[in-house]
Amino acid sequence: MNRTYEIMFIVRPDVEEAEQDKLIETFSGYVTGGGGTIKSTEKMGRRRLAYTVKKFNDGFYVLLIVEAPASLVAELERRLRVSEPVIKFLTVRMDEEDKRVAKIKKHRDAHVKRSALPTASAEAAAPAETPAPAAEAAPVAEAAPAVEAEVAPEPVAVS
């Protein structure tokens, strides 16, 4: 089963541009040759590291977003580990994150604040049902205290 992964690796700062491109093409070839697909490749440029890694204070960041089976990603990580120009790498599985974000959006769309709804839509919905005059008056009476409770959190004495 193919999943989406973000693979970020840092290349040594003394590696030339042509060698970086060749390294990226090599890792992209491993992914496509193993049955995966490259969604995007981003060269983020030379950046300073937060701490010294293998006696280097900066490096070239590269981000690969791939869709591949877990076995292929494990093989790619093994090759990143033994590759001399790569000083650090990180692999993150993104499909679970996409599911989580979709679930949050669905939940937010389903639960819309009543105060955010326009009052015209509530009035338009009541005449559409038209079951009986007494039934129409009851929802309006129930809706009015709810709106007051949201606007004023303190109870107001009615005389």
Protein backbone atom coordinates (compact mmCIF):
# COMPACT_ATOMS: atom_id res chain seq x y z
CA MET A 1 0.00 0.00 0.00
CA ASN A 2 1.46 3.34 -1.04
CA ARG A 3 1.57 6.13 1.50
CA THR A 4 2.71 9.73 1.32
CA TYR A 5 6.04 10.60 2.96
CA GLU A 6 8.11 13.75 3.33
CA ILE A 7 11.82 13.01 3.24
CA MET A 8 14.07 15.91 4.15
CA PHE A 9 17.82 15.51 4.07
CA ILE A 10 20.76 17.84 4.58
CA VAL A 11 23.71 17.69 2.19
CA ARG A 12 27.21 18.72 3.25
CA PRO A 13 27.99 22.39 2.45
CA ASP A 14 31.19 21.55 0.52
CA VAL A 15 29.25 19.57 -2.13
CA GLU A 16 28.92 21.37 -5.47
CA GLU A 17 25.60 22.18 -7.16
CA ALA A 18 26.08 19.56 -9.89
CA GLU A 19 26.75 16.85 -7.31
CA GLN A 20 23.64 17.87 -5.36
CA ASP A 21 21.49 17.55 -8.48
CA LYS A 22 23.03 14.16 -9.19
CA LEU A 23 22.34 13.04 -5.61
CA ILE A 24 18.70 14.17 -5.83
CA GLU A 25 18.29 12.37 -9.16
CA THR A 26 19.81 9.22 -7.64
CA PHE A 27 17.36 9.18 -4.73
CA SER A 28 14.46 10.01 -7.07
CA GLY A 29 15.56 7.08 -9.25
CA TYR A 30 15.48 4.75 -6.24
CA VAL A 31 11.90 5.80 -5.53
CA THR A 32 10.62 5.48 -9.11
CA GLY A 33 12.56 2.24 -9.68
CA GLY A 34 11.02 0.70 -6.55
CA GLY A 35 7.44 1.41 -7.58
CA GLY A 36 6.88 4.78 -5.92
CA THR A 37 6.22 8.22 -7.34
CA ILE A 38 7.81 11.59 -6.64
CA LYS A 39 5.13 14.20 -5.93
CA SER A 40 7.55 17.11 -5.59
CA THR A 41 11.19 17.98 -5.07
CA GLU A 42 12.23 21.19 -3.39
CA LYS A 43 15.74 22.48 -2.93
CA MET A 44 15.51 24.78 0.07
CA GLY A 45 19.03 26.12 -0.23
CA ARG A 46 21.89 26.58 2.18
CA ARG A 47 20.86 27.13 5.78
CA ARG A 48 22.57 27.33 9.13
CA LEU A 49 22.12 24.29 11.39
CA ALA A 50 20.85 24.69 14.95
CA TYR A 51 23.78 22.63 16.21
CA THR A 52 26.95 21.13 14.78
CA VAL A 53 26.38 17.90 12.84
CA LYS A 54 29.46 15.90 11.82
CA LYS A 55 31.58 19.07 12.28
CA PHE A 56 29.36 21.12 9.93
CA ASN A 57 27.50 24.27 10.94
CA ASP A 58 25.42 24.65 7.76
CA GLY A 59 24.15 22.53 4.90
CA PHE A 60 21.92 22.34 1.84
CA TYR A 61 18.34 21.28 2.62
CA VAL A 62 16.40 19.12 0.17
CA LEU A 63 12.76 18.05 0.55
CA LEU A 64 11.28 15.10 -1.35
CA ILE A 65 7.57 14.35 -1.15
CA VAL A 66 7.04 10.77 -2.29
CA GLU A 67 4.25 8.25 -2.50
CA ALA A 68 5.68 4.80 -1.89
CA PRO A 69 5.28 1.58 0.10
CA ALA A 70 6.92 1.36 3.53
CA SER A 71 9.51 -1.18 2.37
CA LEU A 72 10.77 1.23 -0.28
CA VAL A 73 11.02 4.07 2.25
CA ALA A 74 13.01 1.81 4.60
CA GLU A 75 15.42 1.05 1.75
CA LEU A 76 15.69 4.75 0.89
CA GLU A 77 16.48 5.55 4.54
CA ARG A 78 19.19 2.89 4.53
CA ARG A 79 20.75 4.45 1.44
CA LEU A 80 20.52 7.94 2.96
CA ARG A 81 22.26 6.63 6.08
CA VAL A 82 25.24 5.25 4.14
CA SER A 83 25.47 8.13 1.67
CA GLU A 84 28.52 10.22 2.53
CA PRO A 85 27.27 13.65 1.31
CA VAL A 86 24.10 13.37 3.44
CA ILE A 87 24.78 14.49 7.01
CA LYS A 88 21.23 14.23 8.38
CA PHE A 89 17.77 13.09 7.21
CA LEU A 90 14.22 12.83 8.49
CA THR A 91 11.25 10.89 7.11
CA VAL A 92 7.67 11.77 8.09
CA ARG A 93 4.55 9.87 7.06
CA MET A 94 2.01 12.45 5.90
CA ASP A 95 -1.15 10.48 5.06
CA GLU A 96 -2.22 10.27 8.71
CA GLU A 97 -1.75 14.03 9.02
CA ASP A 98 -3.92 14.57 5.92
CA LYS A 99 -6.65 12.38 7.45
CA ARG A 100 -6.48 14.32 10.72
CA VAL A 101 -6.76 17.70 8.97
CA ALA A 102 -9.70 16.48 6.86
CA LYS A 103 -11.46 15.21 9.98
CA ILE A 104 -11.01 18.57 11.75
CA LYS A 105 -12.35 20.47 8.71
CA LYS A 106 -15.37 18.16 8.51
CA HIS A 107 -16.08 18.65 12.21
CA ARG A 108 -15.79 22.44 11.93
CA ASP A 109 -18.10 22.55 8.92
CA ALA A 110 -20.71 20.42 10.70
CA HIS A 111 -20.72 22.56 13.85
CA VAL A 112 -21.39 26.13 12.76
CA LYS A 113 -21.97 28.72 15.50
CA ARG A 114 -25.56 29.85 15.74
CA SER A 115 -24.44 33.44 16.22
CA ALA A 116 -22.63 33.24 12.89
CA LEU A 117 -25.81 32.29 11.04
CA PRO A 118 -27.75 35.18 9.51
CA THR A 119 -31.20 35.78 11.01
CA ALA A 120 -32.81 35.79 7.56
CA SER A 121 -32.07 32.09 7.12
CA ALA A 122 -33.91 31.22 10.35
CA GLU A 123 -36.94 33.23 9.21
CA ALA A 124 -36.84 31.63 5.77
CA ALA A 125 -36.71 28.14 7.25
CA ALA A 126 -39.79 28.67 9.48
CA PRO A 127 -42.28 29.55 6.66
CA ALA A 128 -40.98 26.66 4.56
CA GLU A 129 -42.16 24.12 7.14
CA THR A 130 -45.56 25.76 7.95
CA PRO A 131 -46.93 22.93 10.15
CA ALA A 132 -49.16 25.10 12.37
CA PRO A 133 -49.17 28.64 13.80
CA ALA A 134 -48.64 27.38 17.37
CA ALA A 135 -45.63 25.29 16.28
CA GLU A 136 -44.04 28.30 14.57
CA ALA A 137 -44.29 30.42 17.70
CA ALA A 138 -42.59 27.80 19.89
CA PRO A 139 -39.24 27.67 18.03
CA VAL A 140 -39.04 31.45 17.91
CA ALA A 141 -39.63 31.62 21.67
CA GLU A 142 -36.91 28.99 22.24
CA ALA A 143 -34.44 30.71 19.93
CA ALA A 144 -34.75 34.13 21.57
CA PRO A 145 -33.42 33.12 25.05
CA ALA A 146 -30.56 31.19 23.45
CA VAL A 147 -29.43 34.31 21.57
CA GLU A 148 -29.69 36.42 24.74
CA ALA A 149 -27.66 33.82 26.67
CA GLU A 150 -24.86 34.01 24.09
CA VAL A 151 -24.82 37.81 24.03
CA ALA A 152 -25.05 38.41 27.77
CA PRO A 153 -23.45 35.69 29.91
CA GLU A 154 -24.96 37.11 33.14
CA PRO A 155 -28.64 36.29 33.80
CA VAL A 156 -30.99 39.25 33.53
CA ALA A 157 -33.93 39.49 35.94
CA VAL A 158 -37.25 39.96 34.16
CA SER A 159 -40.08 41.62 36.12
